[in-house]
Amino acid sequence: MKKSNDHTSGIVIEFDSGITPPPYSHVYRLSLDWSGSEMITELELHYTDREDLTEDEMFDEGFTANDDFSFKGTLDSVWKKVVSIEFEKVKWSGRQLEEGGLTLSELEDGKTGSAKVPADQEGWQMLAQDVIQAIYETSKKEAPLTVNFRQVTNEESVDCSITMNFSNREALFTSKNESRTINWEYAVQLLKLVFSPDYNYDIAKETAGAKRGEYIECGDGYWHELGKGVVNVDSSFDAVGKIKDGFKNLIGE
C-alpha cells in the first residue's frame, strides 16, 4: 500500500509567528521542489506590524528598517534528501492553527495541495530555519558561523574551531592547521550547548586568554573564559562542562 506522499515532488512551508511582538513578528512562505536533480527553492519572508516602530527602535533590537527577504534558486542536493525524508515521517495534528505556527502543503505535478498542520511543530520550525539559513549562505546574505575554542594546559595551548556550513550541511573542525568534516548532528548539539549558558560581556576580551583554562569565541569577536565569563543558567545542568568535553573530544580524535 502506497503512502499518500509517494508522489509528492516537494512541499510548501508557511509560517506565522502569531502573537510575537514586532519587530520580531514575521511570516514566511518556503517552497521546496525536489522533483529534479536539485532542490528548487523559493522564499518570501516578511516582517509584520512595524508601522508604529521607529528605525532606532528596530535597530536597538538588532534589525533594520527593511528586513524582508526573498530568494529564488537552488540549494545543495543534500537538502533534497533531508527534507524529503522528514516529510515521509510526518504525522499530522488534525487541528487548525489558532495563534500562529507552521503548516505544510504537498507539491504534486506543480500543484499545491491543501495546508495541513504537522504534529511536531518545533521540529518542523527548526528544520525550516535550517533551510532558511542555507538560503542565506547560498545567496551570500550571511557567512557560515564559526565558533573558536582555545584549550590552555600546562603543556600546550591548542586552538580549534567549528564552522557550520548550512549551505551544504557540512560541519568543519579545524585544529593545528588541519580541517576535517565531523558529524553534523554532533556539531549541532554542541553548538546548542555553546549558546545555552550566560555570557558576561563586561569581562570579555578581544583576544583569547593565555592562562590555563578554556576559552570560547562565538563568532562576534569576543573571547570568554568558560567557568568565569561563561556560567550555567541552571545549576542542575552543567552546560559549561559539556562544552569543554565536546571540544576536548574533537581535539583528542
C-alpha atoms as a PDB file:
ATOM      1  CA  MET A   1       0.000   0.000   0.000  1.00  0.00           C
ATOM      2  CA  LYS A   2       1.448   3.346  -1.012  1.00  0.00           C
ATOM      3  CA  LYS A   3       1.679   6.265   1.336  1.00  0.00           C
ATOM      4  CA  SER A   4      -0.228   9.411   0.460  1.00  0.00           C
ATOM      5  CA  ASN A   5       3.022  11.285  -0.163  1.00  0.00           C
ATOM      6  CA  ASP A   6       4.611   8.727  -2.509  1.00  0.00           C
ATOM      7  CA  HIS A   7       4.027  11.030  -5.492  1.00  0.00           C
ATOM      8  CA  THR A   8       4.963  14.224  -3.682  1.00  0.00           C
ATOM      9  CA  SER A   9       7.510  16.278  -5.613  1.00  0.00           C
ATOM     10  CA  GLY A  10       8.002  18.871  -2.914  1.00  0.00           C
ATOM     11  CA  ILE A  11       6.343  20.848  -0.149  1.00  0.00           C
ATOM     12  CA  VAL A  12       5.343  24.389   0.728  1.00  0.00           C
ATOM     13  CA  ILE A  13       6.052  25.507   4.296  1.00  0.00           C
ATOM     14  CA  GLU A  14       4.113  28.503   5.589  1.00  0.00           C
ATOM     15  CA  PHE A  15       4.778  30.082   8.964  1.00  0.00           C
ATOM     16  CA  ASP A  16       3.184  32.843  11.029  1.00  0.00           C
ATOM     17  CA  SER A  17       4.848  33.962  14.272  1.00  0.00           C
ATOM     18  CA  GLY A  18       1.419  34.680  15.763  1.00  0.00           C
ATOM     19  CA  ILE A  19       1.336  36.840  18.898  1.00  0.00           C
ATOM     20  CA  THR A  20       5.097  37.546  18.797  1.00  0.00           C
ATOM     21  CA  PRO A  21       5.503  41.349  19.052  1.00  0.00           C
ATOM     22  CA  PRO A  22       7.281  43.483  16.435  1.00  0.00           C
ATOM     23  CA  PRO A  23       9.996  43.869  15.296  1.00  0.00           C
ATOM     24  CA  TYR A  24      10.259  40.076  15.664  1.00  0.00           C
ATOM     25  CA  SER A  25       6.827  39.193  14.271  1.00  0.00           C
ATOM     26  CA  HIS A  26       7.022  37.768  10.772  1.00  0.00           C
ATOM     27  CA  VAL A  27       5.554  35.400   8.210  1.00  0.00           C
ATOM     28  CA  TYR A  28       7.238  33.349   5.513  1.00  0.00           C
ATOM     29  CA  ARG A  29       6.424  31.048   2.634  1.00  0.00           C
ATOM     30  CA  LEU A  30       9.078  28.474   1.718  1.00  0.00           C
ATOM     31  CA  SER A  31       8.606  26.365  -1.404  1.00  0.00           C
ATOM     32  CA  LEU A  32      10.845  23.299  -1.810  1.00  0.00           C
ATOM     33  CA  ASP A  33      10.592  21.359  -5.063  1.00  0.00           C
ATOM     34  CA  TRP A  34      12.748  18.226  -5.222  1.00  0.00           C
ATOM     35  CA  SER A  35      11.313  16.763  -8.430  1.00  0.00           C
ATOM     36  CA  GLY A  36      14.583  17.360 -10.297  1.00  0.00           C
ATOM     37  CA  SER A  37      18.250  16.702  -9.555  1.00  0.00           C
ATOM     38  CA  GLU A  38      18.469  19.863  -7.424  1.00  0.00           C
ATOM     39  CA  MET A  39      16.059  21.333  -4.909  1.00  0.00           C
ATOM     40  CA  ILE A  40      14.375  24.370  -6.435  1.00  0.00           C
ATOM     41  CA  THR A  41      13.728  26.790  -3.603  1.00  0.00           C
ATOM     42  CA  GLU A  42      11.653  29.933  -3.189  1.00  0.00           C
ATOM     43  CA  LEU A  43      11.441  32.005  -0.030  1.00  0.00           C
ATOM     44  CA  GLU A  44       9.303  35.038   0.770  1.00  0.00           C
ATOM     45  CA  LEU A  45       9.970  36.416   4.255  1.00  0.00           C
ATOM     46  CA  HIS A  46       8.035  39.431   5.541  1.00  0.00           C
ATOM     47  CA  TYR A  47       8.231  41.175   8.924  1.00  0.00           C
ATOM     48  CA  THR A  48       4.885  42.417  10.189  1.00  0.00           C
ATOM     49  CA  ASP A  49       3.254  45.097  12.363  1.00  0.00           C
ATOM     50  CA  ARG A  50       6.186  47.511  12.325  1.00  0.00           C
ATOM     51  CA  GLU A  51       4.192  50.611  11.431  1.00  0.00           C
ATOM     52  CA  ASP A  52       4.425  52.128  14.937  1.00  0.00           C
ATOM     53  CA  LEU A  53       8.149  51.443  15.450  1.00  0.00           C
ATOM     54  CA  THR A  54      10.928  53.920  14.721  1.00  0.00           C
ATOM     55  CA  GLU A  55      14.112  52.925  12.904  1.00  0.00           C
ATOM     56  CA  ASP A  56      16.048  53.388  16.160  1.00  0.00           C
ATOM     57  CA  GLU A  57      13.711  51.010  18.000  1.00  0.00           C
ATOM     58  CA  MET A  58      14.227  48.355  15.335  1.00  0.00           C
ATOM     59  CA  PHE A  59      17.990  48.952  15.292  1.00  0.00           C
ATOM     60  CA  ASP A  60      18.150  48.550  19.099  1.00  0.00           C
ATOM     61  CA  GLU A  61      16.690  45.060  18.674  1.00  0.00           C
ATOM     62  CA  GLY A  62      19.225  44.128  16.001  1.00  0.00           C
ATOM     63  CA  PHE A  63      17.012  44.796  12.967  1.00  0.00           C
ATOM     64  CA  THR A  64      16.906  47.343  10.157  1.00  0.00           C
ATOM     65  CA  ALA A  65      14.052  49.314   8.607  1.00  0.00           C
ATOM     66  CA  ASN A  66      13.580  46.616   5.972  1.00  0.00           C
ATOM     67  CA  ASP A  67      14.494  43.038   6.852  1.00  0.00           C
ATOM     68  CA  ASP A  68      12.135  41.434   4.332  1.00  0.00           C
ATOM     69  CA  PHE A  69      13.909  38.916   2.116  1.00  0.00           C
ATOM     70  CA  SER A  70      13.120  36.915  -0.993  1.00  0.00           C
ATOM     71  CA  PHE A  71      15.053  34.186  -2.780  1.00  0.00           C
ATOM     72  CA  LYS A  72      14.551  32.007  -5.819  1.00  0.00           C
ATOM     73  CA  GLY A  73      17.195  29.467  -6.774  1.00  0.00           C
ATOM     74  CA  THR A  74      18.567  26.038  -5.934  1.00  0.00           C
ATOM     75  CA  LEU A  75      20.073  24.529  -2.812  1.00  0.00           C
ATOM     76  CA  ASP A  76      22.678  21.799  -2.497  1.00  0.00           C
ATOM     77  CA  SER A  77      21.192  18.356  -3.215  1.00  0.00           C
ATOM     78  CA  VAL A  78      21.825  17.271   0.390  1.00  0.00           C
ATOM     79  CA  TRP A  79      18.755  19.282   1.410  1.00  0.00           C
ATOM     80  CA  LYS A  80      16.603  17.388  -1.062  1.00  0.00           C
ATOM     81  CA  LYS A  81      17.319  14.187   0.844  1.00  0.00           C
ATOM     82  CA  VAL A  82      16.990  15.699   4.309  1.00  0.00           C
ATOM     83  CA  VAL A  83      13.632  17.403   3.739  1.00  0.00           C
ATOM     84  CA  SER A  84      12.027  14.596   1.713  1.00  0.00           C
ATOM     85  CA  ILE A  85      12.967  12.008   4.364  1.00  0.00           C
ATOM     86  CA  GLU A  86      11.477  14.175   7.117  1.00  0.00           C
ATOM     87  CA  PHE A  87       8.290  14.602   5.109  1.00  0.00           C
ATOM     88  CA  GLU A  88       7.990  10.830   4.695  1.00  0.00           C
ATOM     89  CA  LYS A  89       7.856  10.579   8.503  1.00  0.00           C
ATOM     90  CA  VAL A  90       5.465  13.484   9.129  1.00  0.00           C
ATOM     91  CA  LYS A  91       2.483  12.985  11.426  1.00  0.00           C
ATOM     92  CA  TRP A  92      -0.467  15.361  11.251  1.00  0.00           C
ATOM     93  CA  SER A  93      -2.125  17.012  14.244  1.00  0.00           C
ATOM     94  CA  GLY A  94      -5.596  17.074  12.672  1.00  0.00           C
ATOM     95  CA  ARG A  95      -6.160  20.534  14.160  1.00  0.00           C
ATOM     96  CA  GLN A  96      -6.204  24.077  12.810  1.00  0.00           C
ATOM     97  CA  LEU A  97      -3.697  26.710  13.889  1.00  0.00           C
ATOM     98  CA  GLU A  98      -5.061  29.325  16.273  1.00  0.00           C
ATOM     99  CA  GLU A  99      -2.267  31.743  17.222  1.00  0.00           C
ATOM    100  CA  GLY A 100       0.389  31.269  14.599  1.00  0.00           C
ATOM    101  CA  GLY A 101       2.532  28.288  13.736  1.00  0.00           C
ATOM    102  CA  LEU A 102       3.593  26.232  10.726  1.00  0.00           C
ATOM    103  CA  THR A 103       1.671  24.398   8.015  1.00  0.00           C
ATOM    104  CA  LEU A 104       2.774  22.058   5.235  1.00  0.00           C
ATOM    105  CA  SER A 105       1.284  21.634   1.767  1.00  0.00           C
ATOM    106  CA  GLU A 106       2.258  18.939  -0.719  1.00  0.00           C
ATOM    107  CA  LEU A 107       3.512  19.773  -4.196  1.00  0.00           C
ATOM    108  CA  GLU A 108       2.411  17.297  -6.846  1.00  0.00           C
ATOM    109  CA  ASP A 109       2.715  17.861 -10.600  1.00  0.00           C
ATOM    110  CA  GLY A 110       3.342  21.555  -9.967  1.00  0.00           C
ATOM    111  CA  LYS A 111       0.141  21.983  -7.957  1.00  0.00           C
ATOM    112  CA  THR A 112      -0.053  22.902  -4.282  1.00  0.00           C
ATOM    113  CA  GLY A 113      -2.330  20.816  -2.092  1.00  0.00           C
ATOM    114  CA  SER A 114      -4.261  21.891   0.987  1.00  0.00           C
ATOM    115  CA  ALA A 115      -2.339  23.077   4.041  1.00  0.00           C
ATOM    116  CA  LYS A 116      -2.043  20.677   6.979  1.00  0.00           C
ATOM    117  CA  VAL A 117      -0.653  21.130  10.473  1.00  0.00           C
ATOM    118  CA  PRO A 118       2.257  18.821  11.408  1.00  0.00           C
ATOM    119  CA  ALA A 119       2.124  17.488  14.953  1.00  0.00           C
ATOM    120  CA  ASP A 120       5.818  18.206  15.557  1.00  0.00           C
ATOM    121  CA  GLN A 121       5.672  21.988  15.288  1.00  0.00           C
ATOM    122  CA  GLU A 122       9.030  22.574  16.961  1.00  0.00           C
ATOM    123  CA  GLY A 123      10.856  20.039  14.793  1.00  0.00           C
ATOM    124  CA  TRP A 124       9.494  21.439  11.536  1.00  0.00           C
ATOM    125  CA  GLN A 125      10.116  25.035  12.565  1.00  0.00           C
ATOM    126  CA  MET A 126      13.736  24.144  13.351  1.00  0.00           C
ATOM    127  CA  LEU A 127      14.138  22.330  10.029  1.00  0.00           C
ATOM    128  CA  ALA A 128      12.672  25.302   8.167  1.00  0.00           C
ATOM    129  CA  GLN A 129      15.075  27.639   9.967  1.00  0.00           C
ATOM    130  CA  ASP A 130      17.979  25.405   8.937  1.00  0.00           C
ATOM    131  CA  VAL A 131      16.847  25.582   5.303  1.00  0.00           C
ATOM    132  CA  ILE A 132      16.457  29.366   5.542  1.00  0.00           C
ATOM    133  CA  GLN A 133      19.983  29.594   6.962  1.00  0.00           C
ATOM    134  CA  ALA A 134      21.182  27.516   3.998  1.00  0.00           C
ATOM    135  CA  ILE A 135      19.444  30.034   1.713  1.00  0.00           C
ATOM    136  CA  TYR A 136      21.141  32.952   3.479  1.00  0.00           C
ATOM    137  CA  GLU A 137      24.550  31.355   2.992  1.00  0.00           C
ATOM    138  CA  THR A 138      23.865  30.282  -0.598  1.00  0.00           C
ATOM    139  CA  SER A 139      22.740  33.809  -1.506  1.00  0.00           C
ATOM    140  CA  LYS A 140      25.719  35.318   0.399  1.00  0.00           C
ATOM    141  CA  LYS A 141      23.365  37.220   2.699  1.00  0.00           C
ATOM    142  CA  GLU A 142      25.206  35.669   5.649  1.00  0.00           C
ATOM    143  CA  ALA A 143      28.529  33.901   6.104  1.00  0.00           C
ATOM    144  CA  PRO A 144      28.772  30.487   7.817  1.00  0.00           C
ATOM    145  CA  LEU A 145      29.043  30.592  11.616  1.00  0.00           C
ATOM    146  CA  THR A 146      32.471  29.807  13.076  1.00  0.00           C
ATOM    147  CA  VAL A 147      32.941  29.184  16.801  1.00  0.00           C
ATOM    148  CA  ASN A 148      36.522  29.288  18.083  1.00  0.00           C
ATOM    149  CA  PHE A 149      37.829  27.418  21.133  1.00  0.00           C
ATOM    150  CA  ARG A 150      41.176  27.517  22.959  1.00  0.00           C
ATOM    151  CA  GLN A 151      42.372  24.979  25.500  1.00  0.00           C
ATOM    152  CA  VAL A 152      45.400  26.004  27.574  1.00  0.00           C
ATOM    153  CA  THR A 153      47.125  23.352  29.723  1.00  0.00           C
ATOM    154  CA  ASN A 154      50.474  23.274  31.491  1.00  0.00           C
ATOM    155  CA  GLU A 155      51.904  21.520  28.439  1.00  0.00           C
ATOM    156  CA  GLU A 156      50.415  23.365  25.472  1.00  0.00           C
ATOM    157  CA  SER A 157      47.828  25.736  24.026  1.00  0.00           C
ATOM    158  CA  VAL A 158      45.504  24.314  21.380  1.00  0.00           C
ATOM    159  CA  ASP A 159      43.315  26.467  19.134  1.00  0.00           C
ATOM    160  CA  CYS A 160      40.445  24.931  17.189  1.00  0.00           C
ATOM    161  CA  SER A 161      37.168  25.906  15.554  1.00  0.00           C
ATOM    162  CA  ILE A 162      33.894  24.557  14.220  1.00  0.00           C
ATOM    163  CA  THR A 163      32.425  26.095  11.068  1.00  0.00           C
ATOM    164  CA  MET A 164      28.789  25.310  10.287  1.00  0.00           C
ATOM    165  CA  ASN A 165      28.157  25.352   6.537  1.00  0.00           C
ATOM    166  CA  PHE A 166      24.375  25.165   6.285  1.00  0.00           C
ATOM    167  CA  SER A 167      24.605  25.686   2.526  1.00  0.00           C
ATOM    168  CA  ASN A 168      25.796  22.092   2.084  1.00  0.00           C
ATOM    169  CA  ARG A 169      25.058  20.848   5.620  1.00  0.00           C
ATOM    170  CA  GLU A 170      28.720  20.271   6.392  1.00  0.00           C
ATOM    171  CA  ALA A 171      30.449  20.892   9.720  1.00  0.00           C
ATOM    172  CA  LEU A 172      34.208  21.501   9.552  1.00  0.00           C
ATOM    173  CA  PHE A 173      36.510  21.097  12.553  1.00  0.00           C
ATOM    174  CA  THR A 174      39.872  22.838  12.256  1.00  0.00           C
ATOM    175  CA  SER A 175      42.812  22.295  14.612  1.00  0.00           C
ATOM    176  CA  LYS A 176      46.584  22.533  14.176  1.00  0.00           C
ATOM    177  CA  ASN A 177      46.154  23.793  10.596  1.00  0.00           C
ATOM    178  CA  GLU A 178      44.173  20.710   9.606  1.00  0.00           C
ATOM    179  CA  SER A 179      40.447  20.561   8.808  1.00  0.00           C
ATOM    180  CA  ARG A 180      38.119  17.594   8.760  1.00  0.00           C
ATOM    181  CA  THR A 181      34.397  17.050   8.363  1.00  0.00           C
ATOM    182  CA  ILE A 182      32.668  16.000  11.572  1.00  0.00           C
ATOM    183  CA  ASN A 183      29.222  14.574  12.236  1.00  0.00           C
ATOM    184  CA  TRP A 184      26.604  17.245  11.536  1.00  0.00           C
ATOM    185  CA  GLU A 185      24.297  16.333  14.422  1.00  0.00           C
ATOM    186  CA  TYR A 186      27.215  16.228  16.865  1.00  0.00           C
ATOM    187  CA  ALA A 187      28.180  19.749  15.807  1.00  0.00           C
ATOM    188  CA  VAL A 188      24.577  20.989  16.039  1.00  0.00           C
ATOM    189  CA  GLN A 189      24.144  19.606  19.564  1.00  0.00           C
ATOM    190  CA  LEU A 190      27.496  21.034  20.674  1.00  0.00           C
ATOM    191  CA  LEU A 191      26.602  24.492  19.380  1.00  0.00           C
ATOM    192  CA  LYS A 192      23.231  24.315  21.124  1.00  0.00           C
ATOM    193  CA  LEU A 193      25.221  23.829  24.323  1.00  0.00           C
ATOM    194  CA  VAL A 194      27.518  26.724  23.382  1.00  0.00           C
ATOM    195  CA  PHE A 195      24.614  29.148  23.192  1.00  0.00           C
ATOM    196  CA  SER A 196      22.807  27.935  26.323  1.00  0.00           C
ATOM    197  CA  PRO A 197      24.874  29.461  29.209  1.00  0.00           C
ATOM    198  CA  ASP A 198      25.077  33.099  30.297  1.00  0.00           C
ATOM    199  CA  TYR A 199      27.908  35.132  28.759  1.00  0.00           C
ATOM    200  CA  ASN A 200      29.297  38.078  30.740  1.00  0.00           C
ATOM    201  CA  TYR A 201      30.389  40.603  28.124  1.00  0.00           C
ATOM    202  CA  ASP A 202      31.620  43.007  30.810  1.00  0.00           C
ATOM    203  CA  ILE A 203      34.692  40.815  31.312  1.00  0.00           C
ATOM    204  CA  ALA A 204      35.030  39.508  27.751  1.00  0.00           C
ATOM    205  CA  LYS A 205      38.292  40.081  25.866  1.00  0.00           C
ATOM    206  CA  GLU A 206      39.137  40.747  22.234  1.00  0.00           C
ATOM    207  CA  THR A 207      41.935  38.174  22.383  1.00  0.00           C
ATOM    208  CA  ALA A 208      41.964  34.620  23.723  1.00  0.00           C
ATOM    209  CA  GLY A 209      43.394  34.005  27.184  1.00  0.00           C
ATOM    210  CA  ALA A 210      46.886  32.583  27.699  1.00  0.00           C
ATOM    211  CA  LYS A 211      46.485  31.243  31.246  1.00  0.00           C
ATOM    212  CA  ARG A 212      45.448  27.661  31.988  1.00  0.00           C
ATOM    213  CA  GLY A 213      41.765  27.219  31.129  1.00  0.00           C
ATOM    214  CA  GLU A 214      39.276  27.027  28.281  1.00  0.00           C
ATOM    215  CA  TYR A 215      38.181  29.984  26.174  1.00  0.00           C
ATOM    216  CA  ILE A 216      35.494  30.417  23.543  1.00  0.00           C
ATOM    217  CA  GLU A 217      34.561  32.975  20.885  1.00  0.00           C
ATOM    218  CA  CYS A 218      31.078  32.624  19.386  1.00  0.00           C
ATOM    219  CA  GLY A 219      31.537  34.441  16.093  1.00  0.00           C
ATOM    220  CA  ASP A 220      31.258  38.010  17.379  1.00  0.00           C
ATOM    221  CA  GLY A 221      34.937  38.678  18.127  1.00  0.00           C
ATOM    222  CA  TYR A 222      34.699  38.455  21.930  1.00  0.00           C
ATOM    223  CA  TRP A 223      36.518  35.776  23.920  1.00  0.00           C
ATOM    224  CA  HIS A 224      35.061  34.371  27.141  1.00  0.00           C
ATOM    225  CA  GLU A 225      36.614  32.094  29.729  1.00  0.00           C
ATOM    226  CA  LEU A 226      34.470  29.047  30.407  1.00  0.00           C
ATOM    227  CA  GLY A 227      33.543  28.875  34.089  1.00  0.00           C
ATOM    228  CA  LYS A 228      34.210  32.597  34.712  1.00  0.00           C
ATOM    229  CA  GLY A 229      32.808  34.652  31.852  1.00  0.00           C
ATOM    230  CA  VAL A 230      30.511  31.783  30.855  1.00  0.00           C
ATOM    231  CA  VAL A 231      28.294  30.322  33.594  1.00  0.00           C
ATOM    232  CA  ASN A 232      25.468  27.797  33.686  1.00  0.00           C
ATOM    233  CA  VAL A 233      21.914  29.121  33.704  1.00  0.00           C
ATOM    234  CA  ASP A 234      20.602  26.042  35.518  1.00  0.00           C
ATOM    235  CA  SER A 235      22.686  24.597  38.359  1.00  0.00           C
ATOM    236  CA  SER A 236      21.240  21.153  37.629  1.00  0.00           C
ATOM    237  CA  PHE A 237      22.625  21.110  34.059  1.00  0.00           C
ATOM    238  CA  ASP A 238      26.360  21.595  33.511  1.00  0.00           C
ATOM    239  CA  ALA A 239      26.337  23.084  30.015  1.00  0.00           C
ATOM    240  CA  VAL A 240      29.788  24.623  30.541  1.00  0.00           C
ATOM    241  CA  GLY A 241      31.295  21.251  31.413  1.00  0.00           C
ATOM    242  CA  LYS A 242      29.631  19.637  28.394  1.00  0.00           C
ATOM    243  CA  ILE A 243      31.002  22.364  26.108  1.00  0.00           C
ATOM    244  CA  LYS A 244      34.518  21.674  27.385  1.00  0.00           C
ATOM    245  CA  ASP A 245      34.071  17.925  26.932  1.00  0.00           C
ATOM    246  CA  GLY A 246      32.602  18.361  23.443  1.00  0.00           C
ATOM    247  CA  PHE A 247      35.589  20.303  22.143  1.00  0.00           C
ATOM    248  CA  LYS A 248      38.135  18.188  24.029  1.00  0.00           C
ATOM    249  CA  ASN A 249      36.691  15.058  22.418  1.00  0.00           C
ATOM    250  CA  LEU A 250      37.210  16.612  18.995  1.00  0.00           C
ATOM    251  CA  ILE A 251      40.756  17.735  19.841  1.00  0.00           C
ATOM    252  CA  GLY A 252      41.609  14.242  21.062  1.00  0.00           C
ATOM    253  CA  GLU A 253      40.342  12.414  17.962  1.00  0.00           C
END
